[in-house]
Amino acid sequence: MALTEQMESQGAWLFKYRSILPLIIFAIGIVLFLKNESNPENWILVSNIQESLYELSCLLVAFLGFFIRIYTVGYSRPNTSGRNTDLQVADVLNTTGIYSIMRNPLYVGNFFMWLGIAMLTGNFWFIIAFTLFYFLYYERIIFTEEQFLKNKFGQTYLEWAKKTPVIVPKFSSFKKADYNFNWKKVLRQEKNGLAALLILFCLFDIGGEMVKEQRNFNETLYFAGAASIIFYFILKFIKYNTKLLQDPE
């Protein structure tokens, strides 16, 4: 098998099972986090205030990724930038808005969301390893997606790709989105992302306090996590029992 075909085959498989990556990150990350919490002498942040500020910075990094996803999905065309797993889907090519400054904004958003989780471990080498693994993992997926888009949109795709970076944004080339922001699409697709993000931070906080045999729980975080779960089920009910979140025909 030619190298390009091999990369495309691997990318298709990784695309289908790309949701496995977060589970790997979480499993390794929680172990390292609990190890740090059980050995506070190895933790560079000595005070509770410093630790709280660091955890807040992790949450802000994760939310940066989440808002990149919201912006991307909200301004994307219908049947693009979806959460499909089995097949590539793109009825049109997104080239304006955030897609005018980078070709893969959703994966950049995902990176920052999971970087926030990785940072919680407080393990510098794990953060570096996660970053390298993430880009190696998604390299094949991006290759496969670009083959699909090149085959479908031909010269239009090649011209856009030639002037648009893969992941590092080129802000000088920004063009206003030619599609109105679609809150319905955002609510349909991103409701689970918010809940998952806050639940993971809650689990890290609970695990850390239990290991330290303390009860200094972050009640604000738990309230936000509970609210996100309720919000998720409300939106899920609306999606499957009403037409409120459906796009107009």
Foldseek 3Di string as FASTA:
>chain_A
DDPLVVLLVLLLVCLLVVVVLLVVLLVVLLVLQLVCLLVVVPAPDDDPVSLVVQLVVLLVLLVVLLVLLLQDQQLDDPQQSASDRNDHTDPDQFCAAQNVFAPCSNLVSVLSNSLSSNVSSVDPVSSVVSVVVSCVSCVSNLSNNLVVCCVVVPPVSVVSPVNYHHHHTDVVRHHHRPGGGQVLSCLVGCLVVQLVSLVSSQVSQVSSCVSNVHDPHDVVSVVSNVVSVVSSVVSVCCVVPHCPSPDDD
